Amino acid sequence: MKLLGKNHIIISVITFAILFLMNYVGNPEADKLERALMTAFAGVIGLSIGLFILNKGKDDKNPPQNFD
């Protein structure tokens, strides 16, 4: 999956929506909107970093020698 490609944006929007709703609906505190937004943004950033690391070594023509 290409970073900031069509699939990445779709998965990021779905992740944001799920995390936001889970935190907004289940939180009785007064600042539930701010907490839900921060958690959802952090989840999307974490997802992006994970996909970047996952795709960094993909299609590598020179794997490390003596890996085992």
N, C-alpha and C. Protein backbone atom coordinates (compact mmCIF):
# COMPACT_ATOMS: atom_id res chain seq x y z
N MET A 1 0.85 -1.16 0.00
CA MET A 1 0.00 0.00 0.00
C MET A 1 0.90 1.23 0.00
N LYS A 2 0.70 2.10 -0.95
CA LYS A 2 1.50 3.29 -1.09
C LYS A 2 1.08 4.33 -0.05
N LEU A 3 2.06 4.94 0.59
CA LEU A 3 1.77 5.96 1.60
C LEU A 3 1.13 7.16 0.92
N LEU A 4 0.04 7.63 1.46
CA LEU A 4 -0.78 8.73 0.95
C LEU A 4 -1.39 8.42 -0.41
N GLY A 5 -1.57 7.16 -0.68
CA GLY A 5 -2.28 6.75 -1.88
C GLY A 5 -3.78 6.66 -1.57
N LYS A 6 -4.53 6.20 -2.54
CA LYS A 6 -5.98 6.10 -2.39
C LYS A 6 -6.38 5.16 -1.26
N ASN A 7 -5.75 3.98 -1.21
CA ASN A 7 -6.09 3.01 -0.16
C ASN A 7 -5.70 3.50 1.22
N HIS A 8 -4.57 4.19 1.32
CA HIS A 8 -4.12 4.70 2.61
C HIS A 8 -5.09 5.76 3.14
N ILE A 9 -5.57 6.61 2.28
CA ILE A 9 -6.51 7.66 2.71
C ILE A 9 -7.84 7.05 3.15
N ILE A 10 -8.30 6.05 2.44
CA ILE A 10 -9.55 5.38 2.81
C ILE A 10 -9.42 4.71 4.17
N ILE A 11 -8.32 3.98 4.39
CA ILE A 11 -8.11 3.31 5.67
C ILE A 11 -7.93 4.33 6.79
N SER A 12 -7.26 5.46 6.50
CA SER A 12 -7.08 6.50 7.51
C SER A 12 -8.41 7.13 7.92
N VAL A 13 -9.29 7.36 6.96
CA VAL A 13 -10.59 7.95 7.28
C VAL A 13 -11.42 6.97 8.11
N ILE A 14 -11.39 5.69 7.76
CA ILE A 14 -12.13 4.69 8.52
C ILE A 14 -11.57 4.58 9.94
N THR A 15 -10.25 4.57 10.07
CA THR A 15 -9.61 4.50 11.38
C THR A 15 -9.97 5.72 12.22
N PHE A 16 -9.92 6.90 11.61
CA PHE A 16 -10.27 8.13 12.33
C PHE A 16 -11.70 8.08 12.82
N ALA A 17 -12.62 7.66 11.96
CA ALA A 17 -14.03 7.62 12.34
C ALA A 17 -14.28 6.64 13.48
N ILE A 18 -13.68 5.46 13.40
CA ILE A 18 -13.88 4.46 14.45
C ILE A 18 -13.32 4.94 15.78
N LEU A 19 -12.07 5.44 15.77
CA LEU A 19 -11.47 5.91 17.01
C LEU A 19 -12.21 7.10 17.59
N PHE A 20 -12.63 8.02 16.73
CA PHE A 20 -13.36 9.19 17.22
C PHE A 20 -14.68 8.79 17.87
N LEU A 21 -15.43 7.95 17.19
CA LEU A 21 -16.73 7.55 17.75
C LEU A 21 -16.58 6.73 19.02
N MET A 22 -15.59 5.85 19.08
CA MET A 22 -15.39 5.06 20.29
C MET A 22 -15.07 5.95 21.48
N ASN A 23 -14.29 7.00 21.27
CA ASN A 23 -13.91 7.87 22.37
C ASN A 23 -14.97 8.92 22.67
N TYR A 24 -15.71 9.36 21.68
CA TYR A 24 -16.70 10.42 21.89
C TYR A 24 -17.95 9.86 22.57
N VAL A 25 -18.43 8.73 22.11
CA VAL A 25 -19.68 8.17 22.63
C VAL A 25 -19.49 7.62 24.05
N GLY A 26 -18.35 7.01 24.31
CA GLY A 26 -18.17 6.36 25.60
C GLY A 26 -17.54 7.21 26.68
N ASN A 27 -17.38 8.51 26.46
CA ASN A 27 -16.68 9.36 27.42
C ASN A 27 -17.66 10.32 28.11
N PRO A 28 -17.82 10.23 29.42
CA PRO A 28 -18.75 11.14 30.12
C PRO A 28 -18.10 12.45 30.57
N GLU A 29 -16.81 12.65 30.32
CA GLU A 29 -16.11 13.86 30.76
C GLU A 29 -16.56 15.08 29.96
N ALA A 30 -16.24 16.26 30.49
CA ALA A 30 -16.65 17.51 29.84
C ALA A 30 -15.85 17.80 28.57
N ASP A 31 -14.60 17.33 28.51
CA ASP A 31 -13.75 17.61 27.35
C ASP A 31 -13.68 16.41 26.39
N LYS A 32 -14.80 15.75 26.19
CA LYS A 32 -14.79 14.53 25.39
C LYS A 32 -14.49 14.79 23.92
N LEU A 33 -14.86 15.96 23.38
CA LEU A 33 -14.57 16.26 21.98
C LEU A 33 -13.07 16.38 21.75
N GLU A 34 -12.38 17.11 22.63
CA GLU A 34 -10.93 17.28 22.48
C GLU A 34 -10.20 15.95 22.62
N ARG A 35 -10.60 15.16 23.60
CA ARG A 35 -9.95 13.85 23.80
C ARG A 35 -10.18 12.94 22.61
N ALA A 36 -11.40 12.94 22.09
CA ALA A 36 -11.71 12.07 20.96
C ALA A 36 -10.92 12.49 19.72
N LEU A 37 -10.81 13.79 19.48
CA LEU A 37 -10.05 14.27 18.32
C LEU A 37 -8.56 13.94 18.44
N MET A 38 -8.00 14.16 19.63
CA MET A 38 -6.58 13.87 19.82
C MET A 38 -6.29 12.38 19.66
N THR A 39 -7.15 11.55 20.21
CA THR A 39 -6.94 10.10 20.09
C THR A 39 -7.06 9.65 18.64
N ALA A 40 -8.05 10.17 17.92
CA ALA A 40 -8.24 9.78 16.53
C ALA A 40 -7.07 10.23 15.66
N PHE A 41 -6.59 11.47 15.87
CA PHE A 41 -5.42 11.94 15.10
C PHE A 41 -4.19 11.12 15.43
N ALA A 42 -3.99 10.79 16.70
CA ALA A 42 -2.84 9.98 17.09
C ALA A 42 -2.92 8.59 16.46
N GLY A 43 -4.10 8.03 16.38
CA GLY A 43 -4.27 6.72 15.74
C GLY A 43 -3.94 6.75 14.27
N VAL A 44 -4.34 7.79 13.58
CA VAL A 44 -4.06 7.91 12.15
C VAL A 44 -2.56 8.14 11.93
N ILE A 45 -1.93 8.94 12.79
CA ILE A 45 -0.48 9.17 12.66
C ILE A 45 0.28 7.87 12.92
N GLY A 46 -0.14 7.12 13.94
CA GLY A 46 0.50 5.84 14.21
C GLY A 46 0.32 4.85 13.07
N LEU A 47 -0.85 4.84 12.48
CA LEU A 47 -1.10 3.98 11.32
C LEU A 47 -0.19 4.36 10.16
N SER A 48 -0.03 5.64 9.91
CA SER A 48 0.81 6.11 8.81
C SER A 48 2.27 5.75 9.04
N ILE A 49 2.75 5.93 10.27
CA ILE A 49 4.13 5.57 10.58
C ILE A 49 4.33 4.06 10.41
N GLY A 50 3.39 3.27 10.88
CA GLY A 50 3.49 1.83 10.72
C GLY A 50 3.51 1.40 9.26
N LEU A 51 2.68 2.00 8.45
CA LEU A 51 2.67 1.66 7.02
C LEU A 51 3.96 2.11 6.34
N PHE A 52 4.50 3.24 6.77
CA PHE A 52 5.77 3.71 6.20
C PHE A 52 6.89 2.73 6.51
N ILE A 53 6.95 2.26 7.75
CA ILE A 53 7.98 1.29 8.14
C ILE A 53 7.76 -0.03 7.43
N LEU A 54 6.51 -0.46 7.30
CA LEU A 54 6.20 -1.73 6.63
C LEU A 54 6.62 -1.69 5.16
N ASN A 55 6.35 -0.58 4.48
CA ASN A 55 6.64 -0.48 3.05
C ASN A 55 8.06 -0.05 2.76
N LYS A 56 8.82 0.32 3.77
CA LYS A 56 10.19 0.78 3.55
C LYS A 56 11.07 -0.34 2.98
N GLY A 57 10.92 -1.54 3.50
CA GLY A 57 11.75 -2.65 3.05
C GLY A 57 11.13 -3.47 1.94
N LYS A 58 9.97 -3.07 1.47
CA LYS A 58 9.30 -3.83 0.42
C LYS A 58 10.02 -3.61 -0.91
N ASP A 59 10.08 -4.63 -1.72
CA ASP A 59 10.75 -4.61 -3.03
C ASP A 59 12.23 -4.27 -2.89
N ASP A 60 12.85 -4.76 -1.83
CA ASP A 60 14.29 -4.53 -1.62
C ASP A 60 15.06 -5.58 -2.41
N LYS A 61 15.92 -5.13 -3.29
CA LYS A 61 16.69 -6.04 -4.15
C LYS A 61 17.90 -6.63 -3.43
N ASN A 62 18.36 -5.98 -2.36
CA ASN A 62 19.54 -6.44 -1.63
C ASN A 62 19.18 -6.73 -0.19
N PRO A 63 18.66 -7.92 0.11
CA PRO A 63 18.35 -8.23 1.51
C PRO A 63 19.63 -8.35 2.32
N PRO A 64 19.54 -8.22 3.64
CA PRO A 64 20.77 -8.33 4.46
C PRO A 64 21.38 -9.74 4.36
N GLN A 65 22.68 -9.79 4.36
CA GLN A 65 23.40 -11.06 4.24
C GLN A 65 23.41 -11.77 5.60
N ASN A 66 23.33 -13.08 5.59
CA ASN A 66 23.39 -13.92 6.78
C ASN A 66 22.33 -13.46 7.82
N PHE A 67 21.12 -13.34 7.39
CA PHE A 67 20.06 -12.86 8.26
C PHE A 67 19.81 -13.79 9.44
N ASP A 68 19.91 -15.09 9.19
CA ASP A 68 19.67 -16.05 10.26
C ASP A 68 20.88 -16.12 11.13
